[in-house]
Amino acid sequence: MDIGDIFKFLADDVHTVIAATADDEGLPVTCAIDVMDYDGGGLYFLTAKGKGFYRRLMSRGYAALTGIKGEDTMHRAAASVRGKVRPESEQKLASLIQKNAYMREIYPTEQSRAALAAFCLYSGQAEWFDLSVKPIERLNLTFGGAAAEGGAYAVGGGCTSCGKCLEVCPQKCIKIGQRGAYIVQQNCLRCGNCMTVCSVGAVTRG
């Protein structure tokens, strides 16, 4: 799986996602939006200029999107993308409306569509989390030149291979090798149990 697969999942498989932005006091605000399209440059969506969502995008230049698909918790996959957003051209707006025909029903005339503005989430971090497979699958990626963020647990020097971390790992994604324990990152829940029980401080959160 790569960033294009995550973009496709949000735009085509889920389409309607939850978007989060911050208000003037830095408090989170969520709303439901449609991901209208994607390409190598990012994810595209639109909103009306009179909405608070538009004002927050313009003032903050940052958004986070999350989409989930599946019949129940244990059969669901989720993707989250967060990062920088920018306004797009009128030409791009027209192409998004053309591709998503229902927008022409909501805004039936050229005059009414003047209220709309297109945006692109073009640089940031993405996460894939799939509970429908065993063990669970997690993937963290960056796009648009963004730097990778920390958060993963890792076993460093000083590990005595005692196995305590493996005993408390809910996904059993910790293995014992010749040089000590190591974590299979794509299956890690990031619960932190391993760091809690490590008596020699070998587990760190990077």
N, C-alpha and C. Protein backbone atom coordinates (compact mmCIF):
# COMPACT_ATOMS: atom_id res chain seq x y z
N MET A 1 0.84 -1.20 0.00
CA MET A 1 0.00 0.00 0.00
C MET A 1 0.87 1.25 0.00
N ASP A 2 0.49 2.26 -0.79
CA ASP A 2 1.21 3.51 -0.83
C ASP A 2 0.23 4.66 -0.62
N ILE A 3 0.72 5.89 -0.73
CA ILE A 3 -0.13 7.05 -0.45
C ILE A 3 -1.28 7.15 -1.45
N GLY A 4 -1.04 6.72 -2.69
CA GLY A 4 -2.11 6.72 -3.68
C GLY A 4 -3.26 5.81 -3.30
N ASP A 5 -2.94 4.67 -2.68
CA ASP A 5 -3.99 3.75 -2.23
C ASP A 5 -4.83 4.37 -1.12
N ILE A 6 -4.17 5.10 -0.22
CA ILE A 6 -4.90 5.77 0.86
C ILE A 6 -5.79 6.88 0.30
N PHE A 7 -5.26 7.65 -0.65
CA PHE A 7 -6.06 8.69 -1.29
C PHE A 7 -7.28 8.08 -1.98
N LYS A 8 -7.08 6.99 -2.70
CA LYS A 8 -8.18 6.33 -3.41
C LYS A 8 -9.22 5.82 -2.43
N PHE A 9 -8.78 5.24 -1.32
CA PHE A 9 -9.70 4.75 -0.31
C PHE A 9 -10.60 5.88 0.19
N LEU A 10 -10.03 7.04 0.49
CA LEU A 10 -10.80 8.15 1.02
C LEU A 10 -11.72 8.76 -0.04
N ALA A 11 -11.24 8.88 -1.27
CA ALA A 11 -12.03 9.54 -2.32
C ALA A 11 -13.08 8.63 -2.92
N ASP A 12 -12.72 7.38 -3.22
CA ASP A 12 -13.62 6.50 -3.96
C ASP A 12 -14.37 5.51 -3.07
N ASP A 13 -13.68 4.91 -2.10
CA ASP A 13 -14.32 3.88 -1.28
C ASP A 13 -15.16 4.47 -0.16
N VAL A 14 -14.70 5.54 0.45
CA VAL A 14 -15.42 6.17 1.56
C VAL A 14 -16.18 7.39 1.07
N HIS A 15 -15.49 8.31 0.48
CA HIS A 15 -16.00 9.56 -0.12
C HIS A 15 -16.41 10.59 0.93
N THR A 16 -17.37 10.26 1.79
CA THR A 16 -17.77 11.20 2.84
C THR A 16 -16.94 10.92 4.09
N VAL A 17 -16.16 11.90 4.51
CA VAL A 17 -15.23 11.72 5.63
C VAL A 17 -15.51 12.78 6.70
N ILE A 18 -14.90 12.60 7.85
CA ILE A 18 -14.96 13.61 8.90
C ILE A 18 -13.72 14.49 8.79
N ALA A 19 -13.94 15.79 8.74
CA ALA A 19 -12.85 16.76 8.65
C ALA A 19 -12.73 17.52 9.96
N ALA A 20 -11.50 17.77 10.38
CA ALA A 20 -11.26 18.53 11.60
C ALA A 20 -10.39 19.74 11.28
N THR A 21 -10.78 20.87 11.83
CA THR A 21 -9.99 22.10 11.74
C THR A 21 -9.98 22.74 13.13
N ALA A 22 -9.26 23.82 13.27
CA ALA A 22 -9.19 24.53 14.56
C ALA A 22 -9.82 25.91 14.41
N ASP A 23 -10.56 26.33 15.45
CA ASP A 23 -11.17 27.65 15.40
C ASP A 23 -10.17 28.72 15.87
N ASP A 24 -10.65 29.95 16.04
CA ASP A 24 -9.77 31.06 16.39
C ASP A 24 -9.13 30.90 17.76
N GLU A 25 -9.72 30.09 18.61
CA GLU A 25 -9.16 29.84 19.94
C GLU A 25 -8.32 28.57 19.98
N GLY A 26 -8.15 27.94 18.82
CA GLY A 26 -7.37 26.72 18.74
C GLY A 26 -8.13 25.48 19.13
N LEU A 27 -9.46 25.58 19.30
CA LEU A 27 -10.27 24.44 19.67
C LEU A 27 -10.70 23.66 18.43
N PRO A 28 -10.84 22.33 18.54
CA PRO A 28 -11.17 21.54 17.36
C PRO A 28 -12.63 21.68 16.97
N VAL A 29 -12.85 21.67 15.65
CA VAL A 29 -14.20 21.69 15.09
C VAL A 29 -14.25 20.62 14.00
N THR A 30 -15.28 19.78 14.03
CA THR A 30 -15.41 18.74 13.02
C THR A 30 -16.63 18.97 12.16
N CYS A 31 -16.59 18.40 10.95
CA CYS A 31 -17.73 18.44 10.05
C CYS A 31 -17.57 17.29 9.05
N ALA A 32 -18.63 16.97 8.35
CA ALA A 32 -18.58 15.94 7.32
C ALA A 32 -18.42 16.60 5.96
N ILE A 33 -17.45 16.11 5.17
CA ILE A 33 -17.24 16.64 3.82
C ILE A 33 -17.05 15.47 2.86
N ASP A 34 -17.13 15.74 1.58
CA ASP A 34 -16.86 14.74 0.56
C ASP A 34 -15.48 14.98 -0.06
N VAL A 35 -14.70 13.91 -0.16
CA VAL A 35 -13.44 13.99 -0.89
C VAL A 35 -13.77 13.81 -2.36
N MET A 36 -13.60 14.86 -3.14
CA MET A 36 -14.09 14.89 -4.51
C MET A 36 -13.16 14.24 -5.53
N ASP A 37 -11.86 14.23 -5.24
CA ASP A 37 -10.91 13.70 -6.22
C ASP A 37 -9.53 13.59 -5.56
N TYR A 38 -8.61 12.97 -6.25
CA TYR A 38 -7.24 12.85 -5.77
C TYR A 38 -6.32 12.66 -6.97
N ASP A 39 -5.06 13.00 -6.77
CA ASP A 39 -4.01 12.69 -7.74
C ASP A 39 -2.69 12.70 -6.97
N GLY A 40 -1.58 12.71 -7.70
CA GLY A 40 -0.29 12.71 -7.03
C GLY A 40 -0.03 13.96 -6.20
N GLY A 41 -0.82 14.99 -6.43
CA GLY A 41 -0.64 16.24 -5.70
C GLY A 41 -1.41 16.34 -4.41
N GLY A 42 -2.35 15.41 -4.15
CA GLY A 42 -3.09 15.46 -2.91
C GLY A 42 -4.55 15.10 -3.06
N LEU A 43 -5.33 15.44 -2.02
CA LEU A 43 -6.77 15.20 -1.96
C LEU A 43 -7.52 16.50 -2.19
N TYR A 44 -8.62 16.43 -2.94
CA TYR A 44 -9.36 17.63 -3.29
C TYR A 44 -10.78 17.58 -2.72
N PHE A 45 -11.23 18.71 -2.22
CA PHE A 45 -12.58 18.83 -1.69
C PHE A 45 -13.03 20.27 -1.88
N LEU A 46 -14.29 20.54 -1.62
CA LEU A 46 -14.79 21.92 -1.77
C LEU A 46 -15.74 22.24 -0.63
N THR A 47 -16.00 23.52 -0.49
CA THR A 47 -16.95 23.99 0.52
C THR A 47 -17.48 25.34 0.08
N ALA A 48 -18.50 25.81 0.75
CA ALA A 48 -19.06 27.13 0.44
C ALA A 48 -18.30 28.21 1.21
N LYS A 49 -18.10 29.34 0.57
CA LYS A 49 -17.32 30.43 1.16
C LYS A 49 -18.00 31.03 2.40
N GLY A 50 -19.29 30.83 2.53
CA GLY A 50 -19.99 31.38 3.69
C GLY A 50 -19.92 30.52 4.93
N LYS A 51 -19.32 29.35 4.83
CA LYS A 51 -19.27 28.43 5.96
C LYS A 51 -18.06 28.68 6.85
N GLY A 52 -18.23 28.29 8.13
CA GLY A 52 -17.12 28.40 9.06
C GLY A 52 -15.94 27.53 8.65
N PHE A 53 -16.22 26.39 8.02
CA PHE A 53 -15.17 25.51 7.55
C PHE A 53 -14.24 26.23 6.58
N TYR A 54 -14.83 27.00 5.67
CA TYR A 54 -14.03 27.79 4.71
C TYR A 54 -13.14 28.79 5.44
N ARG A 55 -13.71 29.50 6.41
CA ARG A 55 -12.94 30.52 7.13
C ARG A 55 -11.79 29.88 7.91
N ARG A 56 -12.04 28.71 8.50
CA ARG A 56 -10.98 28.03 9.25
C ARG A 56 -9.88 27.53 8.33
N LEU A 57 -10.25 27.03 7.17
CA LEU A 57 -9.25 26.59 6.21
C LEU A 57 -8.37 27.75 5.75
N MET A 58 -9.01 28.88 5.49
CA MET A 58 -8.27 30.04 5.00
C MET A 58 -7.37 30.63 6.08
N SER A 59 -7.83 30.63 7.32
CA SER A 59 -7.05 31.26 8.38
C SER A 59 -5.97 30.34 8.94
N ARG A 60 -6.22 29.04 8.95
CA ARG A 60 -5.28 28.08 9.55
C ARG A 60 -4.42 27.38 8.52
N GLY A 61 -4.99 27.11 7.34
CA GLY A 61 -4.24 26.42 6.30
C GLY A 61 -3.90 24.99 6.64
N TYR A 62 -4.73 24.36 7.48
CA TYR A 62 -4.44 23.00 7.94
C TYR A 62 -5.75 22.28 8.19
N ALA A 63 -5.77 20.97 7.87
CA ALA A 63 -6.97 20.17 8.11
C ALA A 63 -6.58 18.71 8.32
N ALA A 64 -7.46 17.96 8.95
CA ALA A 64 -7.29 16.53 9.13
C ALA A 64 -8.57 15.84 8.67
N LEU A 65 -8.42 14.74 7.94
CA LEU A 65 -9.55 14.00 7.41
C LEU A 65 -9.47 12.54 7.86
N THR A 66 -10.60 11.94 8.20
CA THR A 66 -10.64 10.53 8.56
C THR A 66 -11.84 9.87 7.91
N GLY A 67 -11.60 8.71 7.30
CA GLY A 67 -12.67 7.93 6.70
C GLY A 67 -12.60 6.49 7.18
N ILE A 68 -13.76 5.88 7.41
CA ILE A 68 -13.86 4.50 7.90
C ILE A 68 -14.82 3.73 7.01
N LYS A 69 -14.46 2.46 6.72
CA LYS A 69 -15.35 1.61 5.94
C LYS A 69 -15.35 0.20 6.52
N GLY A 70 -16.54 -0.39 6.63
CA GLY A 70 -16.67 -1.75 7.14
C GLY A 70 -17.98 -1.91 7.89
N GLU A 71 -18.43 -3.15 7.99
CA GLU A 71 -19.75 -3.41 8.57
C GLU A 71 -19.78 -3.31 10.08
N ASP A 72 -18.66 -3.59 10.76
CA ASP A 72 -18.59 -3.44 12.20
C ASP A 72 -17.13 -3.23 12.59
N THR A 73 -16.89 -3.03 13.87
CA THR A 73 -15.54 -2.65 14.32
C THR A 73 -14.47 -3.61 13.87
N MET A 74 -14.71 -4.91 13.99
CA MET A 74 -13.69 -5.89 13.67
C MET A 74 -13.57 -6.19 12.18
N HIS A 75 -14.35 -5.50 11.36
CA HIS A 75 -14.25 -5.66 9.91
C HIS A 75 -14.07 -4.31 9.22
N ARG A 76 -13.47 -3.37 9.93
CA ARG A 76 -13.32 -2.02 9.40
C ARG A 76 -11.87 -1.66 9.13
N ALA A 77 -11.70 -0.82 8.14
CA ALA A 77 -10.42 -0.19 7.85
C ALA A 77 -10.62 1.32 7.92
N ALA A 78 -9.60 2.01 8.35
CA ALA A 78 -9.69 3.47 8.49
C ALA A 78 -8.43 4.12 7.92
N ALA A 79 -8.61 5.28 7.35
CA ALA A 79 -7.48 6.07 6.87
C ALA A 79 -7.63 7.49 7.39
N SER A 80 -6.53 8.05 7.85
CA SER A 80 -6.51 9.44 8.31
C SER A 80 -5.40 10.18 7.59
N VAL A 81 -5.70 11.40 7.18
CA VAL A 81 -4.72 12.25 6.50
C VAL A 81 -4.79 13.62 7.15
N ARG A 82 -3.65 14.19 7.44
CA ARG A 82 -3.62 15.54 8.03
C ARG A 82 -2.46 16.32 7.43
N GLY A 83 -2.68 17.62 7.29
CA GLY A 83 -1.60 18.41 6.74
C GLY A 83 -2.05 19.76 6.22
N LYS A 84 -1.22 20.33 5.37
CA LYS A 84 -1.45 21.67 4.84
C LYS A 84 -2.47 21.66 3.71
N VAL A 85 -3.31 22.70 3.69
CA VAL A 85 -4.29 22.85 2.62
C VAL A 85 -4.08 24.19 1.92
N ARG A 86 -4.50 24.23 0.67
CA ARG A 86 -4.41 25.48 -0.10
C ARG A 86 -5.64 25.61 -0.99
N PRO A 87 -6.06 26.84 -1.29
CA PRO A 87 -7.17 27.04 -2.23
C PRO A 87 -6.74 26.63 -3.63
N GLU A 88 -7.70 26.13 -4.39
CA GLU A 88 -7.44 25.73 -5.77
C GLU A 88 -8.11 26.70 -6.74
N SER A 89 -7.79 26.56 -8.01
CA SER A 89 -8.27 27.47 -9.05
C SER A 89 -9.75 27.23 -9.39
N GLU A 90 -10.34 28.20 -10.07
CA GLU A 90 -11.71 28.04 -10.54
C GLU A 90 -11.81 26.87 -11.53
N GLN A 91 -10.75 26.65 -12.29
CA GLN A 91 -10.72 25.54 -13.23
C GLN A 91 -10.80 24.20 -12.48
N LYS A 92 -10.07 24.09 -11.39
CA LYS A 92 -10.12 22.86 -10.60
C LYS A 92 -11.50 22.69 -9.97
N LEU A 93 -12.07 23.77 -9.49
CA LEU A 93 -13.41 23.71 -8.92
C LEU A 93 -14.40 23.18 -9.95
N ALA A 94 -14.31 23.68 -11.17
CA ALA A 94 -15.22 23.23 -12.23
C ALA A 94 -15.04 21.75 -12.51
N SER A 95 -13.81 21.26 -12.48
CA SER A 95 -13.57 19.84 -12.76
C SER A 95 -14.12 18.97 -11.64
N LEU A 96 -14.06 19.44 -10.39
CA LEU A 96 -14.61 18.69 -9.27
C LEU A 96 -16.13 18.60 -9.37
N ILE A 97 -16.76 19.70 -9.75
CA ILE A 97 -18.21 19.70 -9.92
C ILE A 97 -18.60 18.79 -11.08
N GLN A 98 -17.81 18.80 -12.14
CA GLN A 98 -18.08 17.95 -13.29
C GLN A 98 -17.99 16.47 -12.92
N LYS A 99 -17.02 16.12 -12.11
CA LYS A 99 -16.82 14.73 -11.72
C LYS A 99 -17.86 14.26 -10.73
N ASN A 100 -18.35 15.15 -9.87
CA ASN A 100 -19.31 14.80 -8.83
C ASN A 100 -20.65 15.44 -9.18
N ALA A 101 -21.42 14.73 -9.99
CA ALA A 101 -22.62 15.29 -10.60
C ALA A 101 -23.65 15.78 -9.58
N TYR A 102 -23.68 15.17 -8.40
CA TYR A 102 -24.67 15.58 -7.40
C TYR A 102 -24.48 17.03 -6.97
N MET A 103 -23.26 17.58 -7.12
CA MET A 103 -23.04 18.98 -6.77
C MET A 103 -23.84 19.91 -7.66
N ARG A 104 -24.09 19.48 -8.89
CA ARG A 104 -24.88 20.31 -9.81
C ARG A 104 -26.35 20.30 -9.43
N GLU A 105 -26.76 19.30 -8.67
CA GLU A 105 -28.12 19.28 -8.16
C GLU A 105 -28.25 20.16 -6.92
N ILE A 106 -27.20 20.16 -6.08
CA ILE A 106 -27.21 20.99 -4.87
C ILE A 106 -27.05 22.47 -5.23
N TYR A 107 -26.16 22.73 -6.20
CA TYR A 107 -25.92 24.10 -6.69
C TYR A 107 -26.24 24.11 -8.18
N PRO A 108 -27.51 24.30 -8.56
CA PRO A 108 -27.95 24.04 -9.93
C PRO A 108 -27.54 25.08 -10.97
N THR A 109 -27.17 26.28 -10.56
CA THR A 109 -26.87 27.33 -11.54
C THR A 109 -25.43 27.82 -11.39
N GLU A 110 -24.93 28.43 -12.44
CA GLU A 110 -23.59 29.01 -12.38
C GLU A 110 -23.50 30.07 -11.30
N GLN A 111 -24.57 30.83 -11.14
CA GLN A 111 -24.58 31.88 -10.13
C GLN A 111 -24.48 31.28 -8.73
N SER A 112 -25.19 30.18 -8.47
CA SER A 112 -25.15 29.58 -7.14
C SER A 112 -23.80 28.93 -6.87
N ARG A 113 -23.14 28.44 -7.91
CA ARG A 113 -21.83 27.80 -7.73
C ARG A 113 -20.72 28.80 -7.45
N ALA A 114 -21.01 30.07 -7.60
CA ALA A 114 -20.01 31.10 -7.27
C ALA A 114 -19.71 31.11 -5.78
N ALA A 115 -20.58 30.49 -4.99
CA ALA A 115 -20.36 30.42 -3.54
C ALA A 115 -19.30 29.39 -3.16
N LEU A 116 -18.91 28.53 -4.09
CA LEU A 116 -18.04 27.40 -3.78
C LEU A 116 -16.56 27.72 -3.97
N ALA A 117 -15.74 27.02 -3.21
CA ALA A 117 -14.28 27.12 -3.35
C ALA A 117 -13.68 25.73 -3.19
N ALA A 118 -12.68 25.45 -3.99
CA ALA A 118 -12.01 24.15 -3.94
C ALA A 118 -10.71 24.26 -3.16
N PHE A 119 -10.35 23.16 -2.49
CA PHE A 119 -9.12 23.09 -1.71
C PHE A 119 -8.39 21.79 -2.00
N CYS A 120 -7.09 21.82 -1.73
CA CYS A 120 -6.28 20.62 -1.84
C CYS A 120 -5.49 20.43 -0.55
N LEU A 121 -5.54 19.23 0.01
CA LEU A 121 -4.67 18.86 1.12
C LEU A 121 -3.43 18.24 0.48
N TYR A 122 -2.35 19.00 0.46
CA TYR A 122 -1.23 18.68 -0.43
C TYR A 122 0.05 18.21 0.25
N SER A 123 0.18 18.37 1.56
CA SER A 123 1.42 17.99 2.23
C SER A 123 1.12 17.61 3.66
N GLY A 124 1.56 16.40 4.07
CA GLY A 124 1.29 16.01 5.44
C GLY A 124 1.59 14.55 5.71
N GLN A 125 0.86 14.01 6.67
CA GLN A 125 1.03 12.63 7.11
C GLN A 125 -0.26 11.84 6.89
N ALA A 126 -0.11 10.56 6.66
CA ALA A 126 -1.26 9.68 6.47
C ALA A 126 -1.08 8.42 7.30
N GLU A 127 -2.19 7.88 7.76
CA GLU A 127 -2.16 6.64 8.53
C GLU A 127 -3.23 5.69 8.03
N TRP A 128 -2.85 4.43 7.89
CA TRP A 128 -3.78 3.36 7.53
C TRP A 128 -3.89 2.42 8.72
N PHE A 129 -5.13 2.03 9.07
CA PHE A 129 -5.35 1.16 10.23
C PHE A 129 -6.45 0.18 9.87
N ASP A 130 -6.12 -1.11 9.81
CA ASP A 130 -7.06 -2.12 9.35
C ASP A 130 -7.26 -3.20 10.41
N LEU A 131 -8.47 -3.23 10.99
CA LEU A 131 -8.81 -4.23 11.99
C LEU A 131 -9.42 -5.49 11.39
N SER A 132 -9.59 -5.51 10.07
CA SER A 132 -10.24 -6.65 9.43
C SER A 132 -9.26 -7.78 9.15
N VAL A 133 -7.98 -7.57 9.39
CA VAL A 133 -6.97 -8.60 9.16
C VAL A 133 -6.33 -8.97 10.49
N LYS A 134 -5.75 -10.15 10.54
CA LYS A 134 -5.07 -10.62 11.75
C LYS A 134 -3.63 -10.97 11.41
N PRO A 135 -2.63 -10.41 12.10
CA PRO A 135 -2.79 -9.33 13.08
C PRO A 135 -3.21 -8.03 12.41
N ILE A 136 -3.58 -7.06 13.22
CA ILE A 136 -4.01 -5.77 12.64
C ILE A 136 -2.88 -5.18 11.81
N GLU A 137 -3.28 -4.29 10.88
CA GLU A 137 -2.29 -3.68 9.99
C GLU A 137 -2.29 -2.17 10.18
N ARG A 138 -1.11 -1.62 10.39
CA ARG A 138 -0.96 -0.17 10.52
C ARG A 138 0.16 0.29 9.60
N LEU A 139 -0.07 1.44 8.98
CA LEU A 139 0.94 2.00 8.09
C LEU A 139 0.94 3.51 8.24
N ASN A 140 2.11 4.08 8.36
CA ASN A 140 2.26 5.54 8.42
C ASN A 140 3.10 6.01 7.25
N LEU A 141 2.60 7.03 6.55
CA LEU A 141 3.27 7.56 5.37
C LEU A 141 3.27 9.08 5.41
N THR A 142 4.13 9.67 4.62
CA THR A 142 4.13 11.11 4.41
C THR A 142 3.95 11.39 2.93
N PHE A 143 3.57 12.61 2.61
CA PHE A 143 3.41 13.01 1.21
C PHE A 143 3.65 14.51 1.08
N GLY A 144 3.91 14.93 -0.13
CA GLY A 144 4.11 16.35 -0.39
C GLY A 144 5.31 16.96 0.30
N GLY A 145 6.32 16.14 0.57
CA GLY A 145 7.54 16.65 1.19
C GLY A 145 7.47 16.85 2.68
N ALA A 146 6.42 16.39 3.33
CA ALA A 146 6.30 16.55 4.78
C ALA A 146 7.26 15.63 5.52
N ALA A 147 7.68 16.06 6.69
CA ALA A 147 8.57 15.24 7.52
C ALA A 147 7.76 14.20 8.27
N ALA A 148 8.36 13.05 8.52
CA ALA A 148 7.70 12.00 9.28
C ALA A 148 7.59 12.41 10.74
N GLU A 149 6.48 12.02 11.37
CA GLU A 149 6.27 12.30 12.78
C GLU A 149 6.63 11.09 13.63
N GLY A 150 6.96 11.33 14.90
CA GLY A 150 7.25 10.25 15.81
C GLY A 150 5.99 9.60 16.32
N GLY A 151 6.16 8.68 17.25
CA GLY A 151 5.01 8.02 17.85
C GLY A 151 5.15 6.52 17.93
N ALA A 152 6.05 5.96 17.14
CA ALA A 152 6.22 4.50 17.16
C ALA A 152 7.10 4.08 18.33
N TYR A 153 6.80 2.93 18.89
CA TYR A 153 7.63 2.35 19.94
C TYR A 153 8.72 1.49 19.31
N ALA A 154 9.90 1.52 19.91
CA ALA A 154 11.03 0.75 19.39
C ALA A 154 11.86 0.23 20.55
N VAL A 155 12.51 -0.90 20.32
CA VAL A 155 13.38 -1.49 21.33
C VAL A 155 14.83 -1.18 20.95
N GLY A 156 15.53 -0.54 21.86
CA GLY A 156 16.91 -0.15 21.58
C GLY A 156 17.91 -0.96 22.38
N GLY A 157 19.10 -0.39 22.55
CA GLY A 157 20.15 -1.05 23.29
C GLY A 157 19.77 -1.27 24.74
N GLY A 158 20.34 -2.29 25.33
CA GLY A 158 20.05 -2.61 26.71
C GLY A 158 19.02 -3.69 26.89
N CYS A 159 18.37 -4.12 25.80
CA CYS A 159 17.37 -5.18 25.88
C CYS A 159 18.03 -6.48 26.34
N THR A 160 17.41 -7.12 27.31
CA THR A 160 17.95 -8.38 27.87
C THR A 160 17.22 -9.61 27.33
N SER A 161 16.28 -9.40 26.39
CA SER A 161 15.49 -10.50 25.82
C SER A 161 14.70 -11.27 26.88
N CYS A 162 14.23 -10.55 27.90
CA CYS A 162 13.50 -11.21 28.98
C CYS A 162 12.12 -11.68 28.55
N GLY A 163 11.54 -11.03 27.52
CA GLY A 163 10.24 -11.44 27.02
C GLY A 163 9.05 -10.82 27.69
N LYS A 164 9.27 -9.93 28.67
CA LYS A 164 8.13 -9.32 29.36
C LYS A 164 7.26 -8.51 28.40
N CYS A 165 7.89 -7.83 27.47
CA CYS A 165 7.14 -7.01 26.51
C CYS A 165 6.26 -7.88 25.62
N LEU A 166 6.79 -9.02 25.21
CA LEU A 166 6.02 -9.93 24.37
C LEU A 166 4.78 -10.45 25.11
N GLU A 167 4.91 -10.68 26.39
CA GLU A 167 3.81 -11.22 27.18
C GLU A 167 2.62 -10.26 27.24
N VAL A 168 2.88 -8.95 27.22
CA VAL A 168 1.80 -7.97 27.36
C VAL A 168 1.38 -7.35 26.04
N CYS A 169 2.00 -7.77 24.93
CA CYS A 169 1.65 -7.21 23.62
C CYS A 169 0.35 -7.83 23.12
N PRO A 170 -0.72 -7.05 22.93
CA PRO A 170 -2.02 -7.62 22.54
C PRO A 170 -2.00 -8.23 21.15
N GLN A 171 -1.11 -7.77 20.27
CA GLN A 171 -1.05 -8.29 18.91
C GLN A 171 0.10 -9.28 18.70
N LYS A 172 0.88 -9.52 19.75
CA LYS A 172 2.03 -10.42 19.65
C LYS A 172 2.93 -10.02 18.47
N CYS A 173 3.15 -8.73 18.35
CA CYS A 173 3.97 -8.22 17.24
C CYS A 173 5.39 -7.90 17.69
N ILE A 174 5.77 -8.37 18.85
CA ILE A 174 7.15 -8.24 19.32
C ILE A 174 7.84 -9.58 19.17
N LYS A 175 9.00 -9.57 18.55
CA LYS A 175 9.77 -10.79 18.31
C LYS A 175 11.10 -10.70 19.06
N ILE A 176 11.65 -11.84 19.39
CA ILE A 176 12.96 -11.90 20.04
C ILE A 176 13.98 -12.40 19.01
N GLY A 177 14.95 -11.55 18.71
CA GLY A 177 15.99 -11.91 17.76
C GLY A 177 17.33 -12.09 18.45
N GLN A 178 18.36 -12.23 17.65
CA GLN A 178 19.70 -12.44 18.19
C GLN A 178 20.21 -11.24 18.97
N ARG A 179 19.72 -10.07 18.62
CA ARG A 179 20.19 -8.84 19.27
C ARG A 179 19.16 -8.29 20.25
N GLY A 180 18.19 -9.09 20.62
CA GLY A 180 17.16 -8.63 21.54
C GLY A 180 15.80 -8.56 20.87
N ALA A 181 14.86 -7.95 21.55
CA ALA A 181 13.50 -7.85 21.03
C ALA A 181 13.39 -6.75 19.97
N TYR A 182 12.42 -6.91 19.09
CA TYR A 182 12.11 -5.87 18.11
C TYR A 182 10.61 -5.91 17.82
N ILE A 183 10.08 -4.78 17.37
CA ILE A 183 8.64 -4.62 17.16
C ILE A 183 8.35 -4.62 15.66
N VAL A 184 7.40 -5.44 15.25
CA VAL A 184 6.93 -5.42 13.86
C VAL A 184 5.95 -4.27 13.74
N GLN A 185 6.43 -3.15 13.22
CA GLN A 185 5.68 -1.90 13.29
C GLN A 185 4.33 -1.94 12.58
N GLN A 186 4.23 -2.68 11.47
CA GLN A 186 2.97 -2.66 10.72
C GLN A 186 1.84 -3.39 11.43
N ASN A 187 2.15 -4.06 12.55
CA ASN A 187 1.11 -4.73 13.33
C ASN A 187 0.93 -4.15 14.72
N CYS A 188 1.63 -3.07 15.03
CA CYS A 188 1.64 -2.51 16.38
C CYS A 188 0.44 -1.60 16.62
N LEU A 189 -0.25 -1.82 17.76
CA LEU A 189 -1.37 -0.96 18.15
C LEU A 189 -0.91 0.35 18.79
N ARG A 190 0.37 0.43 19.17
CA ARG A 190 0.92 1.58 19.88
C ARG A 190 0.23 1.81 21.21
N CYS A 191 -0.03 0.73 21.93
CA CYS A 191 -0.68 0.83 23.23
C CYS A 191 0.29 1.24 24.33
N GLY A 192 1.59 0.97 24.14
CA GLY A 192 2.58 1.35 25.13
C GLY A 192 2.84 0.34 26.22
N ASN A 193 2.18 -0.82 26.17
CA ASN A 193 2.41 -1.83 27.20
C ASN A 193 3.88 -2.25 27.28
N CYS A 194 4.51 -2.35 26.14
CA CYS A 194 5.90 -2.81 26.11
C CYS A 194 6.82 -1.86 26.89
N MET A 195 6.62 -0.57 26.73
CA MET A 195 7.46 0.40 27.42
C MET A 195 7.17 0.39 28.92
N THR A 196 5.90 0.15 29.28
CA THR A 196 5.51 0.14 30.69
C THR A 196 6.18 -0.98 31.47
N VAL A 197 6.29 -2.15 30.84
CA VAL A 197 6.81 -3.31 31.59
C VAL A 197 8.32 -3.49 31.44
N CYS A 198 8.96 -2.74 30.55
CA CYS A 198 10.40 -2.94 30.35
C CYS A 198 11.17 -2.45 31.57
N SER A 199 11.81 -3.36 32.27
CA SER A 199 12.49 -3.03 33.52
C SER A 199 13.85 -2.37 33.31
N VAL A 200 14.36 -2.40 32.09
CA VAL A 200 15.68 -1.81 31.82
C VAL A 200 15.59 -0.57 30.95
N GLY A 201 14.37 -0.12 30.62
CA GLY A 201 14.20 1.10 29.86
C GLY A 201 14.64 1.00 28.41
N ALA A 202 14.60 -0.19 27.85
CA ALA A 202 15.06 -0.38 26.47
C ALA A 202 14.04 0.05 25.44
N VAL A 203 12.76 0.14 25.83
CA VAL A 203 11.71 0.52 24.89
C VAL A 203 11.49 2.03 24.97
N THR A 204 11.51 2.67 23.83
CA THR A 204 11.29 4.12 23.77
C THR A 204 10.20 4.44 22.75
N ARG A 205 9.62 5.60 22.90
CA ARG A 205 8.62 6.10 21.94
C ARG A 205 9.27 7.21 21.13
N GLY A 206 9.46 6.93 19.84
CA GLY A 206 10.27 7.84 19.02
C GLY A 206 9.46 8.86 18.25
